[in-house]
């Protein structure tokens, strides 16, 4: 799905790259070969537009391809975000890692959201998830946290509820698609039973991790567009169009 002239997945990779995360592991599924092809040289396209005014459109993807290393693995069944993250263990190994869900398109005010979170990780060395305030009537769309404020915009999580009703929600602080996770999350995921809809929920695993160690929630500085919805996708397109100085 492109927003203006760039697919959502590339926005996510560029955000990771800006945070210093240049080993990119992408979890795909059946019929997703276009993702792999995008982060590769298209000799036919390069030849067709070489020397034309459109050649500068290739600048951003050339930069990504030259600076990042890409690895891919498939999630065989759609069993939830926790299962997708566990599928990536063979690509990640025993080290902390960032997770970006590309349909959440995030724009930091000064620094990218993942850059903000990476700096926070350097201080606390624990799993961190991004949150934002949502309207109470929308909490059923998200995982929602409860916790104690540690610093401004930083919370130590005490509990999480996956897609609660408005009455069940412990707050209106909703988890969005940005995480930094420590590698012990893989063992926790392996012993986490399926949750709602039979899916392996990352919120269930993070709740265990919060009890056994510490997990922080970070209310990031910036804005998020939910490009998994029509309204969010249109809002993102309009926003980036207004920011584009040479759109034609």
Protein backbone atom coordinates (compact mmCIF):
# COMPACT_ATOMS: atom_id res chain seq x y z
CA UNK A 1 0.00 0.00 0.00
CA UNK A 2 1.64 3.25 -1.10
CA UNK A 3 1.29 6.57 0.67
CA UNK A 4 2.11 9.01 -2.12
CA UNK A 5 5.02 7.42 -4.00
CA UNK A 6 6.32 5.08 -1.29
CA UNK A 7 4.87 1.87 0.20
CA UNK A 8 4.14 1.67 3.91
CA UNK A 9 6.79 -1.02 4.42
CA UNK A 10 9.48 1.38 3.18
CA UNK A 11 8.42 4.08 5.64
CA UNK A 12 8.84 1.47 8.39
CA UNK A 13 12.26 0.36 7.17
CA UNK A 14 13.46 3.96 6.91
CA UNK A 15 12.30 4.60 10.47
CA UNK A 16 14.29 1.58 11.65
CA UNK A 17 17.31 2.64 9.59
CA UNK A 18 17.26 6.13 11.12
CA UNK A 19 17.33 4.46 14.57
CA UNK A 20 20.50 2.57 13.60
CA UNK A 21 18.66 -0.71 13.02
CA UNK A 22 20.02 -1.76 9.63
CA UNK A 23 19.64 -5.54 9.83
CA UNK A 24 16.03 -5.82 8.71
CA UNK A 25 14.08 -9.04 9.33
CA UNK A 26 10.71 -9.12 7.55
CA UNK A 27 8.02 -11.66 8.47
CA UNK A 28 5.98 -12.41 5.39
CA UNK A 29 3.28 -14.84 4.31
CA UNK A 30 1.98 -16.54 1.22
CA UNK A 31 1.59 -14.14 -1.73
CA UNK A 32 3.91 -11.49 -0.28
CA UNK A 33 6.81 -11.80 -2.73
CA UNK A 34 6.33 -8.17 -3.75
CA UNK A 35 7.87 -7.17 -0.41
CA UNK A 36 11.10 -8.97 -1.25
CA UNK A 37 11.13 -7.63 -4.79
CA UNK A 38 10.69 -4.05 -3.58
CA UNK A 39 13.94 -4.13 -1.60
CA UNK A 40 15.95 -5.33 -4.56
CA UNK A 41 17.32 -3.73 -7.70
CA UNK A 42 14.83 -3.64 -10.56
CA UNK A 43 17.10 -3.62 -13.59
CA UNK A 44 14.21 -3.15 -16.02
CA UNK A 45 12.88 -0.11 -14.14
CA UNK A 46 16.36 1.35 -13.67
CA UNK A 47 16.98 1.04 -17.42
CA UNK A 48 13.63 2.54 -18.39
CA UNK A 49 13.93 5.71 -16.32
CA UNK A 50 17.70 6.18 -16.38
CA UNK A 51 18.46 9.72 -17.52
CA UNK A 52 14.83 10.86 -17.25
CA UNK A 53 13.37 13.36 -14.75
CA UNK A 54 11.84 10.41 -12.85
CA UNK A 55 15.22 8.92 -11.94
CA UNK A 56 15.38 10.90 -8.70
CA UNK A 57 12.34 8.91 -7.52
CA UNK A 58 14.70 5.97 -7.03
CA UNK A 59 16.97 7.83 -4.64
CA UNK A 60 15.23 6.80 -1.40
CA UNK A 61 14.97 3.09 -2.22
CA UNK A 62 18.59 3.01 -3.47
CA UNK A 63 19.68 4.44 -0.10
CA UNK A 64 17.72 1.79 1.80
CA UNK A 65 19.08 -1.07 -0.33
CA UNK A 66 22.67 0.15 0.01
CA UNK A 67 22.57 0.68 3.78
CA UNK A 68 20.41 -2.20 5.02
CA UNK A 69 20.64 -5.99 4.98
CA UNK A 70 17.36 -7.83 4.49
CA UNK A 71 16.29 -11.30 5.62
CA UNK A 72 12.86 -12.88 5.23
CA UNK A 73 10.92 -15.72 6.79
CA UNK A 74 7.30 -16.79 6.51
CA UNK A 75 4.59 -17.04 9.12
CA UNK A 76 2.89 -20.21 7.91
CA UNK A 77 -0.45 -19.50 9.60
CA UNK A 78 -1.89 -16.17 10.73
CA UNK A 79 -1.77 -16.94 14.45
CA UNK A 80 -1.28 -13.46 15.83
CA UNK A 81 1.50 -10.93 16.36
CA UNK A 82 3.14 -13.02 19.07
CA UNK A 83 3.47 -15.93 16.66
CA UNK A 84 4.89 -13.64 13.95
CA UNK A 85 7.54 -12.35 16.36
CA UNK A 86 8.39 -15.89 17.46
CA UNK A 87 8.74 -16.87 13.80
CA UNK A 88 11.44 -14.21 13.48
CA UNK A 89 13.63 -15.72 16.22
CA UNK A 90 15.83 -17.54 13.71
CA UNK A 91 16.64 -14.22 12.04
CA UNK A 92 17.18 -12.26 15.26
CA UNK A 93 19.00 -14.52 17.68
CA UNK A 94 19.85 -13.65 21.27
CA UNK A 95 19.79 -9.86 21.14
CA UNK A 96 17.31 -7.01 21.66
CA UNK A 97 15.36 -5.96 18.61
CA UNK A 98 12.81 -3.46 17.38
CA UNK A 99 9.40 -4.34 15.95
CA UNK A 100 7.60 -2.07 13.49
CA UNK A 101 4.09 -2.80 12.23
CA UNK A 102 4.07 -0.91 8.97
CA UNK A 103 0.33 -0.25 8.85
CA UNK A 104 0.90 2.08 11.81
CA UNK A 105 2.64 4.93 10.01
CA UNK A 106 4.38 7.11 12.61
CA UNK A 107 5.93 10.54 12.28
CA UNK A 108 8.11 11.88 15.08
CA UNK A 109 8.11 15.60 15.81
CA UNK A 110 11.91 15.85 15.99
CA UNK A 111 13.17 12.26 16.09
CA UNK A 112 11.59 9.16 14.60
CA UNK A 113 9.53 7.09 17.03
CA UNK A 114 11.90 4.12 16.91
CA UNK A 115 14.87 6.44 17.46
CA UNK A 116 13.14 7.84 20.55
CA UNK A 117 12.53 4.32 21.83
CA UNK A 118 16.09 3.17 21.11
CA UNK A 119 17.44 6.04 23.20
CA UNK A 120 15.08 5.07 26.00
CA UNK A 121 16.26 1.47 25.77
CA UNK A 122 19.87 2.59 26.23
CA UNK A 123 18.83 3.99 29.61
CA UNK A 124 16.55 1.22 30.93
CA UNK A 125 17.63 -1.95 29.05
CA UNK A 126 14.18 -3.57 29.11
CA UNK A 127 11.30 -4.15 26.73
CA UNK A 128 9.51 -0.97 25.70
CA UNK A 129 6.25 -0.50 23.83
CA UNK A 130 4.81 2.65 22.31
CA UNK A 131 1.47 3.97 23.47
CA UNK A 132 -0.89 6.80 22.67
CA UNK A 133 -4.07 8.11 24.21
CA UNK A 134 -7.23 7.05 22.38
CA UNK A 135 -10.88 7.87 22.83
CA UNK A 136 -12.59 5.55 25.37
CA UNK A 137 -14.97 4.26 22.69
CA UNK A 138 -11.96 3.05 20.67
CA UNK A 139 -10.14 1.01 23.33
CA UNK A 140 -11.67 -2.24 22.03
CA UNK A 141 -9.38 -1.97 18.97
CA UNK A 142 -6.13 -2.10 20.98
CA UNK A 143 -4.12 -3.63 23.75
CA UNK A 144 -4.44 -1.26 26.70
CA UNK A 145 -2.01 -0.77 29.59
CA UNK A 146 -2.19 0.02 33.28
CA UNK A 147 0.89 1.23 35.10
CA UNK A 148 2.66 3.75 37.26
CA UNK A 149 4.26 6.85 35.78
CA UNK A 150 8.04 6.60 36.06
CA UNK A 151 8.93 9.80 34.22
CA UNK A 152 7.04 12.18 31.98
CA UNK A 153 5.47 10.04 29.22
CA UNK A 154 7.07 6.83 30.60
CA UNK A 155 5.08 4.20 32.52
CA UNK A 156 6.11 1.02 34.29
CA UNK A 157 3.50 -1.49 33.20
CA UNK A 158 1.57 -3.44 35.81
CA UNK A 159 -0.97 -5.08 33.51
CA UNK A 160 -2.28 -5.16 29.94
CA UNK A 161 -5.64 -6.12 28.47
CA UNK A 162 -6.04 -7.11 24.81
CA UNK A 163 -8.97 -5.35 23.09
CA UNK A 164 -11.08 -4.68 26.21
CA UNK A 165 -14.52 -3.17 26.29
CA UNK A 166 -14.72 0.41 27.55
CA UNK A 167 -15.79 -0.93 30.97
CA UNK A 168 -12.91 -3.43 31.13
CA UNK A 169 -10.16 -1.05 30.00
CA UNK A 170 -7.75 -0.02 32.78
CA UNK A 171 -6.91 3.24 30.96
CA UNK A 172 -7.12 4.87 27.54
CA UNK A 173 -3.38 4.31 26.88
CA UNK A 174 -3.35 2.07 23.82
CA UNK A 175 -0.44 0.04 22.47
CA UNK A 176 0.51 0.86 18.88
CA UNK A 177 2.78 -0.93 16.43
CA UNK A 178 6.23 -0.05 17.81
CA UNK A 179 8.16 -2.24 20.25
CA UNK A 180 11.68 -2.83 21.47
CA UNK A 181 11.89 -6.34 22.92
CA UNK A 182 14.56 -8.18 24.86
CA UNK A 183 15.37 -11.71 23.62
CA UNK A 184 13.87 -13.51 26.63
CA UNK A 185 10.51 -12.69 25.02
CA UNK A 186 10.99 -15.73 22.75
CA UNK A 187 10.99 -18.23 25.64
CA UNK A 188 8.03 -16.42 27.19
CA UNK A 189 6.13 -16.64 23.90
CA UNK A 190 6.80 -20.39 23.71
CA UNK A 191 5.12 -20.93 27.07
CA UNK A 192 2.26 -18.48 26.48
CA UNK A 193 -1.08 -20.17 25.67
CA UNK A 194 -3.21 -18.85 22.81
CA UNK A 195 -5.45 -15.96 23.74
CA UNK A 196 -8.40 -14.31 22.00
CA UNK A 197 -9.41 -15.98 18.73
CA UNK A 198 -6.81 -18.70 19.31
CA UNK A 199 -3.99 -16.28 18.51
CA UNK A 200 -0.67 -15.95 20.31
CA UNK A 201 -0.92 -12.43 21.73
CA UNK A 202 2.23 -10.38 22.30
CA UNK A 203 0.38 -8.52 25.08
CA UNK A 204 -0.01 -11.78 27.04
CA UNK A 205 3.73 -12.47 26.76
CA UNK A 206 4.60 -8.89 27.69
CA UNK A 207 2.39 -9.12 30.74
CA UNK A 208 4.40 -12.15 31.89
CA UNK A 209 7.62 -10.28 31.17
CA UNK A 210 6.34 -7.30 33.19
CA UNK A 211 5.73 -9.57 36.19
CA UNK A 212 9.10 -11.31 35.92
CA UNK A 213 11.22 -8.28 35.06
CA UNK A 214 10.17 -4.82 33.85
CA UNK A 215 8.35 -3.53 30.78
CA UNK A 216 7.93 0.15 30.00
CA UNK A 217 5.31 1.99 27.97
CA UNK A 218 6.34 5.17 26.19
CA UNK A 219 3.96 7.89 25.04
CA UNK A 220 5.94 8.97 22.01
CA UNK A 221 6.48 12.47 20.66
CA UNK A 222 4.76 12.56 17.28
CA UNK A 223 1.67 11.30 15.55
CA UNK A 224 0.42 8.00 14.21
CA UNK A 225 -1.77 7.18 11.22
CA UNK A 226 -3.72 3.93 11.33
CA UNK A 227 -3.29 2.94 7.69
CA UNK A 228 -5.12 -0.32 8.33
CA UNK A 229 -8.31 1.76 8.17
CA UNK A 230 -9.63 3.75 5.22
CA UNK A 231 -9.91 6.93 7.27
CA UNK A 232 -6.35 6.62 8.59
CA UNK A 233 -4.94 5.85 5.16
CA UNK A 234 -6.62 8.91 3.64
CA UNK A 235 -5.46 11.06 6.57
CA UNK A 236 -1.86 9.88 6.10
CA UNK A 237 -1.98 10.54 2.36
CA UNK A 238 -3.30 14.06 2.88
CA UNK A 239 -0.70 14.76 5.58
CA UNK A 240 2.26 13.62 3.48
CA UNK A 241 0.94 15.47 0.46
CA UNK A 242 0.90 18.72 2.43
CA UNK A 243 4.49 18.02 3.56
CA UNK A 244 5.68 17.29 0.03
CA UNK A 245 7.38 20.27 -1.56
CA UNK A 246 7.73 18.86 -5.09
CA UNK A 247 4.79 16.49 -5.61
CA UNK A 248 3.74 16.32 -9.24
